[in-house]
Amino acid sequence: MFDIAQQLKTCRERKGYSQVHVFEETGIHNKTLSGYERGISTPDIETLRTLLIFYETSADDFFMMPKFEKE
């Protein structure tokens, strides 16, 4: 099962960012981000979009979507 909380934390850690750094760059409060990463709350679509852009990852990669080849 996909775990959005763990995936958000993994993306942040791969970039070497602290929650405070994410707040400073995006305006998403580090306490809010902590809630997302612990599964207490879930980001709305615009917040998720902001985080994916900031973490330089695509939605397909974030959600681990398989790539399909056209025949």
Protein backbone atom coordinates (compact mmCIF):
# COMPACT_ATOMS: atom_id res chain seq x y z
CA MET A 1 0.00 0.00 0.00
CA PHE A 2 1.25 3.49 -0.87
CA ASP A 3 2.22 5.62 2.13
CA ILE A 4 2.05 9.31 1.22
CA ALA A 5 3.52 10.32 4.60
CA GLN A 6 6.62 8.17 4.17
CA GLN A 7 7.01 9.23 0.55
CA LEU A 8 6.96 12.93 1.51
CA LYS A 9 9.60 12.33 4.16
CA THR A 10 11.73 10.30 1.76
CA CYS A 11 11.60 13.03 -0.89
CA ARG A 12 12.65 15.68 1.62
CA GLU A 13 15.47 13.57 3.05
CA ARG A 14 16.80 12.66 -0.41
CA LYS A 15 17.29 16.36 -1.06
CA GLY A 16 19.02 16.77 2.31
CA TYR A 17 16.46 19.34 3.46
CA SER A 18 15.28 19.97 6.99
CA GLN A 19 11.62 20.74 7.63
CA VAL A 20 12.65 24.28 8.58
CA HIS A 21 14.41 24.71 5.21
CA VAL A 22 11.26 23.57 3.37
CA PHE A 23 9.27 26.15 5.37
CA GLU A 24 11.75 28.91 4.55
CA GLU A 25 11.61 28.13 0.83
CA THR A 26 7.92 27.23 0.36
CA GLY A 27 6.05 28.87 3.23
CA ILE A 28 4.63 25.49 4.28
CA HIS A 29 5.06 25.59 8.05
CA ASN A 30 7.41 22.93 9.38
CA LYS A 31 4.78 21.80 11.92
CA THR A 32 2.33 21.30 9.06
CA LEU A 33 4.96 19.38 7.10
CA SER A 34 5.66 17.26 10.16
CA GLY A 35 1.97 16.38 10.31
CA TYR A 36 2.05 15.32 6.66
CA GLU A 37 5.15 13.21 7.19
CA ARG A 38 3.69 11.50 10.25
CA GLY A 39 0.36 10.76 8.56
CA ILE A 40 -1.63 13.03 10.89
CA SER A 41 -2.89 15.08 7.96
CA THR A 42 -2.67 15.02 4.18
CA PRO A 43 -1.70 17.93 1.96
CA ASP A 44 -4.29 19.35 -0.41
CA ILE A 45 -3.51 19.09 -4.11
CA GLU A 46 -1.98 22.57 -4.38
CA THR A 47 0.30 21.98 -1.40
CA LEU A 48 1.34 18.61 -2.78
CA ARG A 49 2.07 20.26 -6.13
CA THR A 50 4.25 22.86 -4.38
CA LEU A 51 6.19 20.15 -2.57
CA LEU A 52 6.69 18.03 -5.69
CA ILE A 53 8.03 21.03 -7.60
CA PHE A 54 10.30 21.96 -4.69
CA TYR A 55 11.57 18.37 -4.37
CA GLU A 56 12.02 18.23 -8.16
CA THR A 57 9.99 15.06 -8.58
CA SER A 58 7.12 14.22 -10.90
CA ALA A 59 3.74 13.01 -9.73
CA ASP A 60 4.37 9.71 -11.54
CA ASP A 61 7.61 9.18 -9.66
CA PHE A 62 6.12 10.33 -6.35
CA PHE A 63 3.18 7.94 -6.64
CA MET A 64 5.42 5.23 -8.14
CA MET A 65 3.28 4.96 -11.25
CA PRO A 66 4.46 2.44 -13.80
CA LYS A 67 5.57 3.74 -17.17
CA PHE A 68 3.56 2.34 -20.06
CA GLU A 69 4.97 1.97 -23.54
CA LYS A 70 2.76 2.70 -26.54
CA GLU A 71 2.54 -0.19 -28.94
